[in-house]
Amino acid sequence: MSRVVINKPQPLEARFAKERDQLQVVFGARLRELRTSHNLTLEMLAERADLHANYVGAVERGERNLTLFNIWRIAGALGLPTTDLVNELPMRKVKRTGTS
């Protein structure tokens, strides 16, 4: 009998990876907009959020897929509710299945 590995991340299908990448770019642009409107440098925001400046920079460039915990930390560092970071994200288009 083979063992089942529960927490092993599976690679995303190409179509989902593309969606994720686009979402990360939109989120990063929103974060940069909010950071600059608060007159904060990357280093200042990172220090307030207890994150590394390189990580925050990668988020702003759309290179990192954040956890909910880090979104919460960044929002707190900006003095904003988390909804202010995600309210500009596009709505996901979902295929409708036929229902009777």
PDB file of N, CA and C in Angstrom:
ATOM      1  N   MET A   1       0.843  -1.178   0.000  1.00  0.00           N
ATOM      2  CA  MET A   1       0.000   0.000   0.000  1.00  0.00           C
ATOM      3  C   MET A   1       0.889   1.243   0.000  1.00  0.00           C
ATOM      4  N   SER A   2       0.590   2.204  -0.881  1.00  0.00           N
ATOM      5  CA  SER A   2       1.419   3.406  -0.958  1.00  0.00           C
ATOM      6  C   SER A   2       0.974   4.438   0.077  1.00  0.00           C
ATOM      7  N   ARG A   3       1.924   5.239   0.484  1.00  0.00           N
ATOM      8  CA  ARG A   3       1.637   6.297   1.462  1.00  0.00           C
ATOM      9  C   ARG A   3       1.074   7.517   0.748  1.00  0.00           C
ATOM     10  N   VAL A   4       0.181   8.181   1.393  1.00  0.00           N
ATOM     11  CA  VAL A   4      -0.396   9.412   0.865  1.00  0.00           C
ATOM     12  C   VAL A   4       0.257  10.579   1.580  1.00  0.00           C
ATOM     13  N   VAL A   5       0.847  11.487   0.808  1.00  0.00           N
ATOM     14  CA  VAL A   5       1.451  12.687   1.374  1.00  0.00           C
ATOM     15  C   VAL A   5       0.398  13.786   1.328  1.00  0.00           C
ATOM     16  N   ILE A   6       0.028  14.282   2.481  1.00  0.00           N
ATOM     17  CA  ILE A   6      -1.085  15.225   2.560  1.00  0.00           C
ATOM     18  C   ILE A   6      -0.681  16.660   2.238  1.00  0.00           C
ATOM     19  N   ASN A   7       0.405  17.134   2.797  1.00  0.00           N
ATOM     20  CA  ASN A   7       0.753  18.548   2.684  1.00  0.00           C
ATOM     21  C   ASN A   7       1.744  18.863   1.582  1.00  0.00           C
ATOM     22  N   LYS A   8       1.910  17.986   0.642  1.00  0.00           N
ATOM     23  CA  LYS A   8       2.840  18.247  -0.452  1.00  0.00           C
ATOM     24  C   LYS A   8       2.146  19.130  -1.486  1.00  0.00           C
ATOM     25  N   PRO A   9       2.676  20.346  -1.712  1.00  0.00           N
ATOM     26  CA  PRO A   9       2.029  21.231  -2.681  1.00  0.00           C
ATOM     27  C   PRO A   9       2.116  20.658  -4.089  1.00  0.00           C
ATOM     28  N   GLN A  10       1.045  20.771  -4.798  1.00  0.00           N
ATOM     29  CA  GLN A  10       0.984  20.301  -6.173  1.00  0.00           C
ATOM     30  C   GLN A  10       1.188  21.485  -7.114  1.00  0.00           C
ATOM     31  N   PRO A  11       1.883  21.269  -8.224  1.00  0.00           N
ATOM     32  CA  PRO A  11       2.069  22.376  -9.170  1.00  0.00           C
ATOM     33  C   PRO A  11       0.726  22.805  -9.759  1.00  0.00           C
ATOM     34  N   LEU A  12       0.606  24.092  -9.988  1.00  0.00           N
ATOM     35  CA  LEU A  12      -0.622  24.626 -10.574  1.00  0.00           C
ATOM     36  C   LEU A  12      -0.671  24.343 -12.061  1.00  0.00           C
ATOM     37  N   GLU A  13      -1.860  24.118 -12.566  1.00  0.00           N
ATOM     38  CA  GLU A  13      -2.044  24.026 -14.007  1.00  0.00           C
ATOM     39  C   GLU A  13      -1.692  25.391 -14.589  1.00  0.00           C
ATOM     40  N   ALA A  14      -1.264  25.415 -15.817  1.00  0.00           N
ATOM     41  CA  ALA A  14      -0.808  26.652 -16.456  1.00  0.00           C
ATOM     42  C   ALA A  14      -1.864  27.756 -16.399  1.00  0.00           C
ATOM     43  N   ARG A  15      -3.135  27.396 -16.613  1.00  0.00           N
ATOM     44  CA  ARG A  15      -4.178  28.431 -16.604  1.00  0.00           C
ATOM     45  C   ARG A  15      -4.342  29.049 -15.222  1.00  0.00           C
ATOM     46  N   PHE A  16      -4.167  28.252 -14.171  1.00  0.00           N
ATOM     47  CA  PHE A  16      -4.281  28.792 -12.821  1.00  0.00           C
ATOM     48  C   PHE A  16      -3.046  29.599 -12.457  1.00  0.00           C
ATOM     49  N   ALA A  17      -1.888  29.173 -12.919  1.00  0.00           N
ATOM     50  CA  ALA A  17      -0.657  29.915 -12.661  1.00  0.00           C
ATOM     51  C   ALA A  17      -0.737  31.299 -13.302  1.00  0.00           C
ATOM     52  N   LYS A  18      -1.330  31.368 -14.486  1.00  0.00           N
ATOM     53  CA  LYS A  18      -1.474  32.661 -15.171  1.00  0.00           C
ATOM     54  C   LYS A  18      -2.402  33.581 -14.371  1.00  0.00           C
ATOM     55  N   GLU A  19      -3.508  33.050 -13.887  1.00  0.00           N
ATOM     56  CA  GLU A  19      -4.429  33.838 -13.050  1.00  0.00           C
ATOM     57  C   GLU A  19      -3.726  34.337 -11.793  1.00  0.00           C
ATOM     58  N   ARG A  20      -2.994  33.426 -11.136  1.00  0.00           N
ATOM     59  CA  ARG A  20      -2.271  33.794  -9.918  1.00  0.00           C
ATOM     60  C   ARG A  20      -1.265  34.901 -10.194  1.00  0.00           C
ATOM     61  N   ASP A  21      -0.508  34.766 -11.278  1.00  0.00           N
ATOM     62  CA  ASP A  21       0.505  35.762 -11.617  1.00  0.00           C
ATOM     63  C   ASP A  21      -0.115  37.128 -11.879  1.00  0.00           C
ATOM     64  N   GLN A  22      -1.230  37.149 -12.602  1.00  0.00           N
ATOM     65  CA  GLN A  22      -1.914  38.416 -12.884  1.00  0.00           C
ATOM     66  C   GLN A  22      -2.441  39.042 -11.598  1.00  0.00           C
ATOM     67  N   LEU A  23      -2.986  38.237 -10.722  1.00  0.00           N
ATOM     68  CA  LEU A  23      -3.508  38.721  -9.452  1.00  0.00           C
ATOM     69  C   LEU A  23      -2.394  39.305  -8.591  1.00  0.00           C
ATOM     70  N   GLN A  24      -1.243  38.647  -8.571  1.00  0.00           N
ATOM     71  CA  GLN A  24      -0.117  39.140  -7.792  1.00  0.00           C
ATOM     72  C   GLN A  24       0.362  40.493  -8.296  1.00  0.00           C
ATOM     73  N   VAL A  25       0.352  40.695  -9.607  1.00  0.00           N
ATOM     74  CA  VAL A  25       0.768  41.980 -10.181  1.00  0.00           C
ATOM     75  C   VAL A  25      -0.212  43.080  -9.775  1.00  0.00           C
ATOM     76  N   VAL A  26      -1.505  42.802  -9.829  1.00  0.00           N
ATOM     77  CA  VAL A  26      -2.518  43.795  -9.438  1.00  0.00           C
ATOM     78  C   VAL A  26      -2.384  44.121  -7.955  1.00  0.00           C
ATOM     79  N   PHE A  27      -2.206  43.089  -7.128  1.00  0.00           N
ATOM     80  CA  PHE A  27      -2.047  43.312  -5.695  1.00  0.00           C
ATOM     81  C   PHE A  27      -0.797  44.139  -5.419  1.00  0.00           C
ATOM     82  N   GLY A  28       0.296  43.809  -6.080  1.00  0.00           N
ATOM     83  CA  GLY A  28       1.551  44.537  -5.878  1.00  0.00           C
ATOM     84  C   GLY A  28       1.438  46.003  -6.252  1.00  0.00           C
ATOM     85  N   ALA A  29       0.744  46.276  -7.342  1.00  0.00           N
ATOM     86  CA  ALA A  29       0.552  47.674  -7.753  1.00  0.00           C
ATOM     87  C   ALA A  29      -0.283  48.428  -6.722  1.00  0.00           C
ATOM     88  N   ARG A  30      -1.304  47.771  -6.203  1.00  0.00           N
ATOM     89  CA  ARG A  30      -2.138  48.391  -5.159  1.00  0.00           C
ATOM     90  C   ARG A  30      -1.326  48.664  -3.902  1.00  0.00           C
ATOM     91  N   LEU A  31      -0.493  47.709  -3.520  1.00  0.00           N
ATOM     92  CA  LEU A  31       0.338  47.890  -2.338  1.00  0.00           C
ATOM     93  C   LEU A  31       1.297  49.064  -2.528  1.00  0.00           C
ATOM     94  N   ARG A  32       1.945  49.147  -3.679  1.00  0.00           N
ATOM     95  CA  ARG A  32       2.871  50.256  -3.952  1.00  0.00           C
ATOM     96  C   ARG A  32       2.133  51.593  -3.886  1.00  0.00           C
ATOM     97  N   GLU A  33       0.934  51.629  -4.464  1.00  0.00           N
ATOM     98  CA  GLU A  33       0.129  52.853  -4.439  1.00  0.00           C
ATOM     99  C   GLU A  33      -0.176  53.281  -2.999  1.00  0.00           C
ATOM    100  N   LEU A  34      -0.589  52.341  -2.180  1.00  0.00           N
ATOM    101  CA  LEU A  34      -0.907  52.652  -0.787  1.00  0.00           C
ATOM    102  C   LEU A  34       0.342  53.039   0.001  1.00  0.00           C
ATOM    103  N   ARG A  35       1.438  52.341  -0.235  1.00  0.00           N
ATOM    104  CA  ARG A  35       2.683  52.640   0.481  1.00  0.00           C
ATOM    105  C   ARG A  35       3.165  54.045   0.167  1.00  0.00           C
ATOM    106  N   THR A  36       3.169  54.400  -1.118  1.00  0.00           N
ATOM    107  CA  THR A  36       3.660  55.732  -1.495  1.00  0.00           C
ATOM    108  C   THR A  36       2.699  56.826  -1.040  1.00  0.00           C
ATOM    109  N   SER A  37       1.404  56.527  -1.004  1.00  0.00           N
ATOM    110  CA  SER A  37       0.451  57.544  -0.531  1.00  0.00           C
ATOM    111  C   SER A  37       0.606  57.789   0.967  1.00  0.00           C
ATOM    112  N   HIS A  38       1.196  56.819   1.677  1.00  0.00           N
ATOM    113  CA  HIS A  38       1.487  56.981   3.113  1.00  0.00           C
ATOM    114  C   HIS A  38       2.915  57.499   3.332  1.00  0.00           C
ATOM    115  N   ASN A  39       3.589  57.872   2.223  1.00  0.00           N
ATOM    116  CA  ASN A  39       4.962  58.388   2.274  1.00  0.00           C
ATOM    117  C   ASN A  39       5.915  57.443   2.998  1.00  0.00           C
ATOM    118  N   LEU A  40       5.801  56.159   2.693  1.00  0.00           N
ATOM    119  CA  LEU A  40       6.668  55.152   3.299  1.00  0.00           C
ATOM    120  C   LEU A  40       7.611  54.578   2.247  1.00  0.00           C
ATOM    121  N   THR A  41       8.829  54.323   2.652  1.00  0.00           N
ATOM    122  CA  THR A  41       9.752  53.586   1.802  1.00  0.00           C
ATOM    123  C   THR A  41       9.470  52.099   1.977  1.00  0.00           C
ATOM    124  N   LEU A  42      10.037  51.293   1.086  1.00  0.00           N
ATOM    125  CA  LEU A  42       9.923  49.840   1.240  1.00  0.00           C
ATOM    126  C   LEU A  42      10.459  49.406   2.597  1.00  0.00           C
ATOM    127  N   GLU A  43      11.588  49.968   2.969  1.00  0.00           N
ATOM    128  CA  GLU A  43      12.226  49.594   4.228  1.00  0.00           C
ATOM    129  C   GLU A  43      11.350  49.962   5.426  1.00  0.00           C
ATOM    130  N   MET A  44      10.725  51.126   5.378  1.00  0.00           N
ATOM    131  CA  MET A  44       9.862  51.555   6.480  1.00  0.00           C
ATOM    132  C   MET A  44       8.659  50.629   6.615  1.00  0.00           C
ATOM    133  N   LEU A  45       8.018  50.311   5.497  1.00  0.00           N
ATOM    134  CA  LEU A  45       6.865  49.421   5.534  1.00  0.00           C
ATOM    135  C   LEU A  45       7.274  48.033   6.030  1.00  0.00           C
ATOM    136  N   ALA A  46       8.383  47.534   5.509  1.00  0.00           N
ATOM    137  CA  ALA A  46       8.851  46.208   5.904  1.00  0.00           C
ATOM    138  C   ALA A  46       9.129  46.154   7.407  1.00  0.00           C
ATOM    139  N   GLU A  47       9.755  47.180   7.920  1.00  0.00           N
ATOM    140  CA  GLU A  47      10.058  47.203   9.354  1.00  0.00           C
ATOM    141  C   GLU A  47       8.775  47.223  10.184  1.00  0.00           C
ATOM    142  N   ARG A  48       7.820  48.023   9.777  1.00  0.00           N
ATOM    143  CA  ARG A  48       6.545  48.084  10.506  1.00  0.00           C
ATOM    144  C   ARG A  48       5.788  46.766  10.464  1.00  0.00           C
ATOM    145  N   ALA A  49       5.922  46.039   9.356  1.00  0.00           N
ATOM    146  CA  ALA A  49       5.202  44.772   9.185  1.00  0.00           C
ATOM    147  C   ALA A  49       6.011  43.573   9.683  1.00  0.00           C
ATOM    148  N   ASP A  50       7.228  43.820  10.157  1.00  0.00           N
ATOM    149  CA  ASP A  50       8.129  42.733  10.574  1.00  0.00           C
ATOM    150  C   ASP A  50       8.403  41.765   9.426  1.00  0.00           C
ATOM    151  N   LEU A  51       8.632  42.339   8.253  1.00  0.00           N
ATOM    152  CA  LEU A  51       8.984  41.560   7.068  1.00  0.00           C
ATOM    153  C   LEU A  51      10.296  42.102   6.506  1.00  0.00           C
ATOM    154  N   HIS A  52      10.925  41.357   5.630  1.00  0.00           N
ATOM    155  CA  HIS A  52      12.160  41.809   5.002  1.00  0.00           C
ATOM    156  C   HIS A  52      11.823  42.735   3.837  1.00  0.00           C
ATOM    157  N   ALA A  53      12.622  43.776   3.654  1.00  0.00           N
ATOM    158  CA  ALA A  53      12.385  44.738   2.571  1.00  0.00           C
ATOM    159  C   ALA A  53      12.418  44.056   1.204  1.00  0.00           C
ATOM    160  N   ASN A  54      13.288  43.070   1.026  1.00  0.00           N
ATOM    161  CA  ASN A  54      13.338  42.351  -0.253  1.00  0.00           C
ATOM    162  C   ASN A  54      12.030  41.629  -0.530  1.00  0.00           C
ATOM    163  N   TYR A  55      11.422  41.090   0.513  1.00  0.00           N
ATOM    164  CA  TYR A  55      10.137  40.401   0.371  1.00  0.00           C
ATOM    165  C   TYR A  55       9.052  41.398  -0.054  1.00  0.00           C
ATOM    166  N   VAL A  56       8.989  42.538   0.619  1.00  0.00           N
ATOM    167  CA  VAL A  56       7.981  43.550   0.286  1.00  0.00           C
ATOM    168  C   VAL A  56       8.193  44.047  -1.146  1.00  0.00           C
ATOM    169  N   GLY A  57       9.437  44.230  -1.547  1.00  0.00           N
ATOM    170  CA  GLY A  57       9.721  44.639  -2.924  1.00  0.00           C
ATOM    171  C   GLY A  57       9.253  43.604  -3.929  1.00  0.00           C
ATOM    172  N   ALA A  58       9.480  42.330  -3.609  1.00  0.00           N
ATOM    173  CA  ALA A  58       9.034  41.254  -4.505  1.00  0.00           C
ATOM    174  C   ALA A  58       7.516  41.203  -4.576  1.00  0.00           C
ATOM    175  N   VAL A  59       6.841  41.498  -3.478  1.00  0.00           N
ATOM    176  CA  VAL A  59       5.374  41.554  -3.475  1.00  0.00           C
ATOM    177  C   VAL A  59       4.919  42.670  -4.406  1.00  0.00           C
ATOM    178  N   GLU A  60       5.522  43.840  -4.287  1.00  0.00           N
ATOM    179  CA  GLU A  60       5.124  44.974  -5.127  1.00  0.00           C
ATOM    180  C   GLU A  60       5.373  44.706  -6.606  1.00  0.00           C
ATOM    181  N   ARG A  61       6.374  43.901  -6.923  1.00  0.00           N
ATOM    182  CA  ARG A  61       6.663  43.555  -8.323  1.00  0.00           C
ATOM    183  C   ARG A  61       5.814  42.393  -8.819  1.00  0.00           C
ATOM    184  N   GLY A  62       4.972  41.832  -7.945  1.00  0.00           N
ATOM    185  CA  GLY A  62       4.115  40.720  -8.339  1.00  0.00           C
ATOM    186  C   GLY A  62       4.826  39.397  -8.400  1.00  0.00           C
ATOM    187  N   GLU A  63       5.946  39.281  -7.697  1.00  0.00           N
ATOM    188  CA  GLU A  63       6.746  38.063  -7.745  1.00  0.00           C
ATOM    189  C   GLU A  63       6.451  37.094  -6.603  1.00  0.00           C
ATOM    190  N   ARG A  64       5.695  37.512  -5.614  1.00  0.00           N
ATOM    191  CA  ARG A  64       5.429  36.676  -4.440  1.00  0.00           C
ATOM    192  C   ARG A  64       3.936  36.453  -4.260  1.00  0.00           C
ATOM    193  N   ASN A  65       3.591  35.244  -3.877  1.00  0.00           N
ATOM    194  CA  ASN A  65       2.225  34.904  -3.552  1.00  0.00           C
ATOM    195  C   ASN A  65       2.096  34.958  -2.029  1.00  0.00           C
ATOM    196  N   LEU A  66       1.463  35.986  -1.522  1.00  0.00           N
ATOM    197  CA  LEU A  66       1.393  36.223  -0.085  1.00  0.00           C
ATOM    198  C   LEU A  66       0.463  35.259   0.625  1.00  0.00           C
ATOM    199  N   THR A  67       0.748  35.078   1.897  1.00  0.00           N
ATOM    200  CA  THR A  67      -0.193  34.373   2.748  1.00  0.00           C
ATOM    201  C   THR A  67      -1.167  35.395   3.318  1.00  0.00           C
ATOM    202  N   LEU A  68      -2.277  34.910   3.777  1.00  0.00           N
ATOM    203  CA  LEU A  68      -3.258  35.782   4.428  1.00  0.00           C
ATOM    204  C   LEU A  68      -2.623  36.474   5.632  1.00  0.00           C
ATOM    205  N   PHE A  69      -1.765  35.766   6.347  1.00  0.00           N
ATOM    206  CA  PHE A  69      -1.083  36.324   7.516  1.00  0.00           C
ATOM    207  C   PHE A  69      -0.232  37.535   7.136  1.00  0.00           C
ATOM    208  N   ASN A  70       0.502  37.444   6.023  1.00  0.00           N
ATOM    209  CA  ASN A  70       1.343  38.568   5.608  1.00  0.00           C
ATOM    210  C   ASN A  70       0.528  39.724   5.058  1.00  0.00           C
ATOM    211  N   ILE A  71      -0.588  39.442   4.415  1.00  0.00           N
ATOM    212  CA  ILE A  71      -1.484  40.529   3.985  1.00  0.00           C
ATOM    213  C   ILE A  71      -1.973  41.277   5.213  1.00  0.00           C
ATOM    214  N   TRP A  72      -2.342  40.546   6.239  1.00  0.00           N
ATOM    215  CA  TRP A  72      -2.819  41.136   7.495  1.00  0.00           C
ATOM    216  C   TRP A  72      -1.730  41.987   8.140  1.00  0.00           C
ATOM    217  N   ARG A  73      -0.477  41.490   8.127  1.00  0.00           N
ATOM    218  CA  ARG A  73       0.638  42.231   8.708  1.00  0.00           C
ATOM    219  C   ARG A  73       0.905  43.527   7.937  1.00  0.00           C
ATOM    220  N   ILE A  74       0.874  43.460   6.628  1.00  0.00           N
ATOM    221  CA  ILE A  74       1.129  44.644   5.806  1.00  0.00           C
ATOM    222  C   ILE A  74       0.024  45.674   5.998  1.00  0.00           C
ATOM    223  N   ALA A  75      -1.216  45.220   6.017  1.00  0.00           N
ATOM    224  CA  ALA A  75      -2.338  46.143   6.244  1.00  0.00           C
ATOM    225  C   ALA A  75      -2.179  46.850   7.584  1.00  0.00           C
ATOM    226  N   GLY A  76      -1.824  46.109   8.614  1.00  0.00           N
ATOM    227  CA  GLY A  76      -1.613  46.708   9.929  1.00  0.00           C
ATOM    228  C   GLY A  76      -0.498  47.729   9.909  1.00  0.00           C
ATOM    229  N   ALA A  77       0.562  47.432   9.174  1.00  0.00           N
ATOM    230  CA  ALA A  77       1.685  48.359   9.068  1.00  0.00           C
ATOM    231  C   ALA A  77       1.285  49.652   8.370  1.00  0.00           C
ATOM    232  N   LEU A  78       0.305  49.566   7.471  1.00  0.00           N
ATOM    233  CA  LEU A  78      -0.207  50.758   6.785  1.00  0.00           C
ATOM    234  C   LEU A  78      -1.312  51.437   7.587  1.00  0.00           C
ATOM    235  N   GLY A  79      -1.753  50.795   8.660  1.00  0.00           N
ATOM    236  CA  GLY A  79      -2.844  51.345   9.464  1.00  0.00           C
ATOM    237  C   GLY A  79      -4.186  51.260   8.756  1.00  0.00           C
ATOM    238  N   LEU A  80      -4.335  50.205   7.949  1.00  0.00           N
ATOM    239  CA  LEU A  80      -5.554  50.032   7.150  1.00  0.00           C
ATOM    240  C   LEU A  80      -6.182  48.675   7.439  1.00  0.00           C
ATOM    241  N   PRO A  81      -7.487  48.557   7.199  1.00  0.00           N
ATOM    242  CA  PRO A  81      -8.090  47.222   7.252  1.00  0.00           C
ATOM    243  C   PRO A  81      -7.612  46.409   6.049  1.00  0.00           C
ATOM    244  N   THR A  82      -7.570  45.110   6.188  1.00  0.00           N
ATOM    245  CA  THR A  82      -7.095  44.267   5.091  1.00  0.00           C
ATOM    246  C   THR A  82      -7.920  44.445   3.825  1.00  0.00           C
ATOM    247  N   THR A  83      -9.179  44.805   3.982  1.00  0.00           N
ATOM    248  CA  THR A  83     -10.031  44.987   2.803  1.00  0.00           C
ATOM    249  C   THR A  83      -9.498  46.084   1.888  1.00  0.00           C
ATOM    250  N   ASP A  84      -8.815  47.080   2.445  1.00  0.00           N
ATOM    251  CA  ASP A  84      -8.264  48.150   1.610  1.00  0.00           C
ATOM    252  C   ASP A  84      -7.165  47.640   0.686  1.00  0.00           C
ATOM    253  N   LEU A  85      -6.533  46.545   1.036  1.00  0.00           N
ATOM    254  CA  LEU A  85      -5.500  45.974   0.177  1.00  0.00           C
ATOM    255  C   LEU A  85      -6.082  45.102  -0.928  1.00  0.00           C
ATOM    256  N   VAL A  86      -7.218  44.505  -0.674  1.00  0.00           N
ATOM    257  CA  VAL A  86      -7.750  43.537  -1.635  1.00  0.00           C
ATOM    258  C   VAL A  86      -9.000  44.005  -2.374  1.00  0.00           C
ATOM    259  N   ASN A  87      -9.558  45.150  -2.007  1.00  0.00           N
ATOM    260  CA  ASN A  87     -10.819  45.559  -2.634  1.00  0.00           C
ATOM    261  C   ASN A  87     -10.677  45.937  -4.102  1.00  0.00           C
ATOM    262  N   GLU A  88      -9.473  46.166  -4.578  1.00  0.00           N
ATOM    263  CA  GLU A  88      -9.259  46.508  -5.989  1.00  0.00           C
ATOM    264  C   GLU A  88      -8.983  45.275  -6.855  1.00  0.00           C
ATOM    265  N   LEU A  89      -8.916  44.112  -6.230  1.00  0.00           N
ATOM    266  CA  LEU A  89      -8.632  42.905  -7.003  1.00  0.00           C
ATOM    267  C   LEU A  89      -9.813  42.573  -7.903  1.00  0.00           C
ATOM    268  N   PRO A  90      -9.527  42.086  -9.113  1.00  0.00           N
ATOM    269  CA  PRO A  90     -10.622  41.765 -10.031  1.00  0.00           C
ATOM    270  C   PRO A  90     -11.411  40.546  -9.556  1.00  0.00           C
ATOM    271  N   MET A  91     -12.668  40.525  -9.903  1.00  0.00           N
ATOM    272  CA  MET A  91     -13.528  39.388  -9.590  1.00  0.00           C
ATOM    273  C   MET A  91     -13.122  38.229 -10.478  1.00  0.00           C
ATOM    274  N   ARG A  92     -13.052  37.055  -9.916  1.00  0.00           N
ATOM    275  CA  ARG A  92     -12.681  35.882 -10.701  1.00  0.00           C
ATOM    276  C   ARG A  92     -13.856  35.438 -11.551  1.00  0.00           C
ATOM    277  N   LYS A  93     -13.562  35.155 -12.811  1.00  0.00           N
ATOM    278  CA  LYS A  93     -14.583  34.656 -13.720  1.00  0.00           C
ATOM    279  C   LYS A  93     -14.662  33.142 -13.560  1.00  0.00           C
ATOM    280  N   VAL A  94     -15.845  32.672 -13.240  1.00  0.00           N
ATOM    281  CA  VAL A  94     -16.050  31.246 -13.004  1.00  0.00           C
ATOM    282  C   VAL A  94     -16.958  30.698 -14.074  1.00  0.00           C
ATOM    283  N   LYS A  95     -16.604  29.497 -14.557  1.00  0.00           N
ATOM    284  CA  LYS A  95     -17.455  28.836 -15.544  1.00  0.00           C
ATOM    285  C   LYS A  95     -18.772  28.464 -14.895  1.00  0.00           C
ATOM    286  N   ARG A  96     -19.848  28.756 -15.556  1.00  0.00           N
ATOM    287  CA  ARG A  96     -21.182  28.375 -15.090  1.00  0.00           C
ATOM    288  C   ARG A  96     -21.483  26.982 -15.600  1.00  0.00           C
ATOM    289  N   THR A  97     -21.949  26.147 -14.696  1.00  0.00           N
ATOM    290  CA  THR A  97     -22.362  24.814 -15.128  1.00  0.00           C
ATOM    291  C   THR A  97     -23.869  24.819 -15.309  1.00  0.00           C
ATOM    292  N   GLY A  98     -24.338  23.990 -16.170  1.00  0.00           N
ATOM    293  CA  GLY A  98     -25.772  23.922 -16.416  1.00  0.00           C
ATOM    294  C   GLY A  98     -26.524  23.422 -15.188  1.00  0.00           C
ATOM    295  N   THR A  99     -27.490  24.193 -14.746  1.00  0.00           N
ATOM    296  CA  THR A  99     -28.323  23.771 -13.636  1.00  0.00           C
ATOM    297  C   THR A  99     -29.764  23.733 -14.086  1.00  0.00           C
ATOM    298  N   SER A 100     -30.482  22.822 -13.554  1.00  0.00           N
ATOM    299  CA  SER A 100     -31.893  22.678 -13.961  1.00  0.00           C
ATOM    300  C   SER A 100     -32.794  23.440 -13.062  1.00  0.00           C
TER     301      SER A 100
END
